[in-house]
Amino acid sequence: MPLTFLLGGARSGKSRLAVRMAAEQEAPVVFVATGEALDDEMRARIELHRGERPAGWDTLEEPIELERTIRAAPEGACVVVDCLSLWVSNALERRPAEAVEELGAVAARAAAARAGLTIAVSNEVGLGIVPMHPVGRAYRDLLGRVNASWSDAADQAYFVVAGRAFRLERLGG
């Protein structure tokens, strides 16, 4: 089955689209949530997202071990990874950027190799101003490279903005 990659800005509808796509599958769904409830705002966001998912889905909250979690999912299940931008942030706190980039590429290949559909969600953070702080610039660049590896591995990729999805075509060469 294919890997579908959904990329877009905050509150653009990426997660809603991922949930809809997964719900349209006849296969069981495994939702891999990468967010960590480290403060009240994040706890509220996580609760909101939990409420958007059908009750019968399995949810695995895994902020770091993305490849292992993807490989552990039942072979024919639909896997939703939401989201790579939080996973990169979590991983970057624990590992050097080069290692995170490689781990992201390995996880993308694992997702693409699955028998069941995998839907991955990530934020596009490179469309705005250049961050003032070096940490912000490093995160933006790393996430861009991780997003590119997932997009390269994906059969389909969409850019989601204002509740609309635009199919992304591969560049030649």
C-alpha atoms as a PDB file:
ATOM      1  CA  MET A   1       0.000   0.000   0.000  1.00  0.00           C
ATOM      2  CA  PRO A   2       1.125   3.555  -0.486  1.00  0.00           C
ATOM      3  CA  LEU A   3       2.589   6.118   1.829  1.00  0.00           C
ATOM      4  CA  THR A   4       0.653   9.385   1.768  1.00  0.00           C
ATOM      5  CA  PHE A   5       2.362  12.522   3.058  1.00  0.00           C
ATOM      6  CA  LEU A   6       0.323  15.546   4.198  1.00  0.00           C
ATOM      7  CA  LEU A   7       2.237  18.796   4.603  1.00  0.00           C
ATOM      8  CA  GLY A   8       0.936  22.220   5.571  1.00  0.00           C
ATOM      9  CA  GLY A   9       0.807  25.022   8.064  1.00  0.00           C
ATOM     10  CA  ALA A  10      -0.590  24.993  11.574  1.00  0.00           C
ATOM     11  CA  ARG A  11      -4.374  24.564  11.718  1.00  0.00           C
ATOM     12  CA  SER A  12      -4.532  23.994   7.956  1.00  0.00           C
ATOM     13  CA  GLY A  13      -6.623  20.806   8.124  1.00  0.00           C
ATOM     14  CA  LYS A  14      -3.817  18.220   7.789  1.00  0.00           C
ATOM     15  CA  SER A  15      -4.862  16.109  10.764  1.00  0.00           C
ATOM     16  CA  ARG A  16      -8.538  16.327   9.825  1.00  0.00           C
ATOM     17  CA  LEU A  17      -7.684  15.097   6.316  1.00  0.00           C
ATOM     18  CA  ALA A  18      -5.521  12.282   7.707  1.00  0.00           C
ATOM     19  CA  VAL A  19      -8.369  11.135   9.971  1.00  0.00           C
ATOM     20  CA  ARG A  20     -10.824  11.241   7.064  1.00  0.00           C
ATOM     21  CA  MET A  21      -8.487   9.276   4.778  1.00  0.00           C
ATOM     22  CA  ALA A  22      -7.890   6.641   7.454  1.00  0.00           C
ATOM     23  CA  ALA A  23     -11.603   6.367   8.262  1.00  0.00           C
ATOM     24  CA  GLU A  24     -12.297   5.612   4.597  1.00  0.00           C
ATOM     25  CA  GLN A  25     -10.119   2.482   4.832  1.00  0.00           C
ATOM     26  CA  GLU A  26     -11.633  -0.868   5.696  1.00  0.00           C
ATOM     27  CA  ALA A  27      -8.499  -1.848   7.598  1.00  0.00           C
ATOM     28  CA  PRO A  28      -8.043  -1.274  11.321  1.00  0.00           C
ATOM     29  CA  VAL A  29      -6.302   2.018  12.150  1.00  0.00           C
ATOM     30  CA  VAL A  30      -3.270   2.580  14.360  1.00  0.00           C
ATOM     31  CA  PHE A  31      -2.765   6.233  15.236  1.00  0.00           C
ATOM     32  CA  VAL A  32       0.826   7.122  16.172  1.00  0.00           C
ATOM     33  CA  ALA A  33       0.746  10.346  18.191  1.00  0.00           C
ATOM     34  CA  THR A  34       4.154  12.004  18.630  1.00  0.00           C
ATOM     35  CA  GLY A  35       3.124  14.913  20.850  1.00  0.00           C
ATOM     36  CA  GLU A  36       3.997  15.074  24.526  1.00  0.00           C
ATOM     37  CA  ALA A  37       1.707  16.786  27.045  1.00  0.00           C
ATOM     38  CA  LEU A  38       4.403  18.865  28.729  1.00  0.00           C
ATOM     39  CA  ASP A  39       2.195  21.883  29.483  1.00  0.00           C
ATOM     40  CA  ASP A  40      -1.485  22.824  29.719  1.00  0.00           C
ATOM     41  CA  GLU A  41      -1.717  24.117  26.152  1.00  0.00           C
ATOM     42  CA  MET A  42      -0.260  20.911  24.715  1.00  0.00           C
ATOM     43  CA  ARG A  43      -2.532  18.799  26.919  1.00  0.00           C
ATOM     44  CA  ALA A  44      -5.529  20.688  25.503  1.00  0.00           C
ATOM     45  CA  ARG A  45      -4.311  20.207  21.922  1.00  0.00           C
ATOM     46  CA  ILE A  46      -3.816  16.488  22.480  1.00  0.00           C
ATOM     47  CA  GLU A  47      -7.313  16.151  23.987  1.00  0.00           C
ATOM     48  CA  LEU A  48      -8.798  17.997  21.004  1.00  0.00           C
ATOM     49  CA  HIS A  49      -7.076  15.643  18.570  1.00  0.00           C
ATOM     50  CA  ARG A  50      -8.122  12.572  20.584  1.00  0.00           C
ATOM     51  CA  GLY A  51     -11.728  13.700  20.311  1.00  0.00           C
ATOM     52  CA  GLU A  52     -11.476  13.867  16.517  1.00  0.00           C
ATOM     53  CA  ARG A  53     -10.559  10.164  16.200  1.00  0.00           C
ATOM     54  CA  PRO A  54     -13.039   7.295  16.052  1.00  0.00           C
ATOM     55  CA  ALA A  55     -13.229   5.338  19.313  1.00  0.00           C
ATOM     56  CA  GLY A  56     -12.229   1.997  17.759  1.00  0.00           C
ATOM     57  CA  TRP A  57      -8.792   3.114  16.651  1.00  0.00           C
ATOM     58  CA  ASP A  58      -5.658   2.062  18.497  1.00  0.00           C
ATOM     59  CA  THR A  59      -3.573   5.039  19.618  1.00  0.00           C
ATOM     60  CA  LEU A  60       0.128   4.693  20.338  1.00  0.00           C
ATOM     61  CA  GLU A  61       1.702   7.711  21.974  1.00  0.00           C
ATOM     62  CA  GLU A  62       5.335   7.563  20.933  1.00  0.00           C
ATOM     63  CA  PRO A  63       7.406  10.756  20.868  1.00  0.00           C
ATOM     64  CA  ILE A  64      10.767   9.207  19.876  1.00  0.00           C
ATOM     65  CA  GLU A  65      10.834   5.615  18.558  1.00  0.00           C
ATOM     66  CA  LEU A  66       9.020   6.286  15.288  1.00  0.00           C
ATOM     67  CA  GLU A  67      10.559   3.591  13.071  1.00  0.00           C
ATOM     68  CA  ARG A  68      10.089   0.868  15.703  1.00  0.00           C
ATOM     69  CA  THR A  69       6.461   1.918  16.245  1.00  0.00           C
ATOM     70  CA  ILE A  70       5.710   1.905  12.513  1.00  0.00           C
ATOM     71  CA  ARG A  71       7.293  -1.536  12.080  1.00  0.00           C
ATOM     72  CA  ALA A  72       5.349  -2.890  15.088  1.00  0.00           C
ATOM     73  CA  ALA A  73       1.961  -1.975  13.614  1.00  0.00           C
ATOM     74  CA  PRO A  74      -0.107  -4.894  12.282  1.00  0.00           C
ATOM     75  CA  GLU A  75       0.835  -5.568   8.673  1.00  0.00           C
ATOM     76  CA  GLY A  76      -2.485  -4.681   7.040  1.00  0.00           C
ATOM     77  CA  ALA A  77      -3.468  -1.847   9.373  1.00  0.00           C
ATOM     78  CA  CYS A  78      -3.667   1.752   8.270  1.00  0.00           C
ATOM     79  CA  VAL A  79      -1.102   3.763  10.238  1.00  0.00           C
ATOM     80  CA  VAL A  80      -1.465   7.507  10.818  1.00  0.00           C
ATOM     81  CA  VAL A  81       1.644   9.360  12.031  1.00  0.00           C
ATOM     82  CA  ASP A  82       0.721  12.747  13.503  1.00  0.00           C
ATOM     83  CA  CYS A  83       3.019  14.566  13.412  1.00  0.00           C
ATOM     84  CA  LEU A  84       6.578  14.587  12.136  1.00  0.00           C
ATOM     85  CA  SER A  85       7.202  18.182  13.208  1.00  0.00           C
ATOM     86  CA  LEU A  86       6.713  17.243  16.867  1.00  0.00           C
ATOM     87  CA  TRP A  87       8.737  14.056  16.390  1.00  0.00           C
ATOM     88  CA  VAL A  88      11.659  16.094  14.978  1.00  0.00           C
ATOM     89  CA  SER A  89      11.458  18.485  17.936  1.00  0.00           C
ATOM     90  CA  ASN A  90      11.387  15.602  20.427  1.00  0.00           C
ATOM     91  CA  ALA A  91      14.239  13.754  18.735  1.00  0.00           C
ATOM     92  CA  LEU A  92      16.363  16.898  18.381  1.00  0.00           C
ATOM     93  CA  GLU A  93      16.287  17.361  22.155  1.00  0.00           C
ATOM     94  CA  ARG A  94      17.917  13.942  22.534  1.00  0.00           C
ATOM     95  CA  ARG A  95      20.118  13.478  19.448  1.00  0.00           C
ATOM     96  CA  PRO A  96      22.271  15.495  17.038  1.00  0.00           C
ATOM     97  CA  ALA A  97      20.544  16.873  13.923  1.00  0.00           C
ATOM     98  CA  GLU A  98      22.401  14.495  11.580  1.00  0.00           C
ATOM     99  CA  ALA A  99      21.144  11.495  13.551  1.00  0.00           C
ATOM    100  CA  VAL A 100      17.577  12.834  13.560  1.00  0.00           C
ATOM    101  CA  GLU A 101      17.713  13.372   9.798  1.00  0.00           C
ATOM    102  CA  GLU A 102      18.895   9.784   9.253  1.00  0.00           C
ATOM    103  CA  LEU A 103      16.319   8.366  11.683  1.00  0.00           C
ATOM    104  CA  GLY A 104      13.629  10.302   9.825  1.00  0.00           C
ATOM    105  CA  ALA A 105      14.720   8.852   6.489  1.00  0.00           C
ATOM    106  CA  VAL A 106      14.826   5.315   7.919  1.00  0.00           C
ATOM    107  CA  ALA A 107      11.318   5.745   9.371  1.00  0.00           C
ATOM    108  CA  ALA A 108      10.069   7.055   6.008  1.00  0.00           C
ATOM    109  CA  ARG A 109      11.437   3.984   4.232  1.00  0.00           C
ATOM    110  CA  ALA A 110       9.830   1.728   6.856  1.00  0.00           C
ATOM    111  CA  ALA A 111       6.493   3.486   6.342  1.00  0.00           C
ATOM    112  CA  ALA A 112       6.741   3.187   2.552  1.00  0.00           C
ATOM    113  CA  ALA A 113       7.565  -0.536   2.797  1.00  0.00           C
ATOM    114  CA  ARG A 114       4.454  -1.415   4.829  1.00  0.00           C
ATOM    115  CA  ALA A 115       1.687  -3.515   3.315  1.00  0.00           C
ATOM    116  CA  GLY A 116      -1.003  -1.243   4.755  1.00  0.00           C
ATOM    117  CA  LEU A 117      -1.578   2.433   4.019  1.00  0.00           C
ATOM    118  CA  THR A 118       0.510   4.874   6.045  1.00  0.00           C
ATOM    119  CA  ILE A 119      -0.506   8.530   6.294  1.00  0.00           C
ATOM    120  CA  ALA A 120       2.088  10.928   7.697  1.00  0.00           C
ATOM    121  CA  VAL A 121       1.370  14.513   8.763  1.00  0.00           C
ATOM    122  CA  SER A 122       3.938  17.300   9.101  1.00  0.00           C
ATOM    123  CA  ASN A 123       4.145  21.060   9.323  1.00  0.00           C
ATOM    124  CA  GLU A 124       5.741  23.188   6.645  1.00  0.00           C
ATOM    125  CA  VAL A 125       7.727  25.748   8.607  1.00  0.00           C
ATOM    126  CA  GLY A 126       9.963  27.069   5.843  1.00  0.00           C
ATOM    127  CA  LEU A 127       7.539  29.455   4.154  1.00  0.00           C
ATOM    128  CA  GLY A 128       7.778  32.318   6.637  1.00  0.00           C
ATOM    129  CA  ILE A 129      10.515  34.649   7.718  1.00  0.00           C
ATOM    130  CA  VAL A 130      13.969  33.362   8.568  1.00  0.00           C
ATOM    131  CA  PRO A 131      14.005  32.664  12.323  1.00  0.00           C
ATOM    132  CA  MET A 132      16.158  35.102  14.312  1.00  0.00           C
ATOM    133  CA  HIS A 133      17.616  32.474  16.623  1.00  0.00           C
ATOM    134  CA  PRO A 134      20.110  29.824  15.417  1.00  0.00           C
ATOM    135  CA  VAL A 135      18.109  27.056  17.133  1.00  0.00           C
ATOM    136  CA  GLY A 136      14.993  28.103  15.204  1.00  0.00           C
ATOM    137  CA  ARG A 137      16.910  28.137  11.920  1.00  0.00           C
ATOM    138  CA  ALA A 138      18.448  24.724  12.632  1.00  0.00           C
ATOM    139  CA  TYR A 139      15.022  23.229  13.464  1.00  0.00           C
ATOM    140  CA  ARG A 140      13.449  24.733  10.327  1.00  0.00           C
ATOM    141  CA  ASP A 141      16.221  23.347   8.125  1.00  0.00           C
ATOM    142  CA  LEU A 142      16.177  19.903   9.760  1.00  0.00           C
ATOM    143  CA  LEU A 143      12.403  19.603   9.516  1.00  0.00           C
ATOM    144  CA  GLY A 144      12.611  20.628   5.858  1.00  0.00           C
ATOM    145  CA  ARG A 145      15.087  17.818   5.178  1.00  0.00           C
ATOM    146  CA  VAL A 146      12.996  15.269   7.119  1.00  0.00           C
ATOM    147  CA  ASN A 147       9.875  16.392   5.250  1.00  0.00           C
ATOM    148  CA  ALA A 148      11.734  15.991   1.942  1.00  0.00           C
ATOM    149  CA  SER A 149      12.731  12.416   2.828  1.00  0.00           C
ATOM    150  CA  TRP A 150       9.115  11.522   3.661  1.00  0.00           C
ATOM    151  CA  SER A 151       7.861  13.213   0.513  1.00  0.00           C
ATOM    152  CA  ASP A 152      10.458  11.352  -1.573  1.00  0.00           C
ATOM    153  CA  ALA A 153       9.365   8.028  -0.046  1.00  0.00           C
ATOM    154  CA  ALA A 154       5.652   8.784  -0.500  1.00  0.00           C
ATOM    155  CA  ASP A 155       3.480   7.617  -3.346  1.00  0.00           C
ATOM    156  CA  GLN A 156       1.286  10.669  -2.842  1.00  0.00           C
ATOM    157  CA  ALA A 157       1.972  14.029  -1.224  1.00  0.00           C
ATOM    158  CA  TYR A 158      -0.416  16.894  -0.552  1.00  0.00           C
ATOM    159  CA  PHE A 159       0.021  20.472   0.576  1.00  0.00           C
ATOM    160  CA  VAL A 160      -2.858  21.420   2.871  1.00  0.00           C
ATOM    161  CA  VAL A 161      -3.792  25.064   3.400  1.00  0.00           C
ATOM    162  CA  ALA A 162      -7.007  26.651   4.717  1.00  0.00           C
ATOM    163  CA  GLY A 163      -8.843  23.339   4.613  1.00  0.00           C
ATOM    164  CA  ARG A 164      -7.882  22.604   1.001  1.00  0.00           C
ATOM    165  CA  ALA A 165      -5.451  19.972  -0.276  1.00  0.00           C
ATOM    166  CA  PHE A 166      -3.272  20.393  -3.333  1.00  0.00           C
ATOM    167  CA  ARG A 167      -1.607  17.323  -4.792  1.00  0.00           C
ATOM    168  CA  LEU A 168       2.154  17.770  -5.094  1.00  0.00           C
ATOM    169  CA  GLU A 169       3.915  16.540  -8.194  1.00  0.00           C
ATOM    170  CA  ARG A 170       7.438  15.155  -8.149  1.00  0.00           C
ATOM    171  CA  LEU A 171      10.164  17.367  -9.553  1.00  0.00           C
ATOM    172  CA  GLY A 172      12.030  15.954 -12.530  1.00  0.00           C
ATOM    173  CA  GLY A 173      15.702  15.038 -12.301  1.00  0.00           C
END
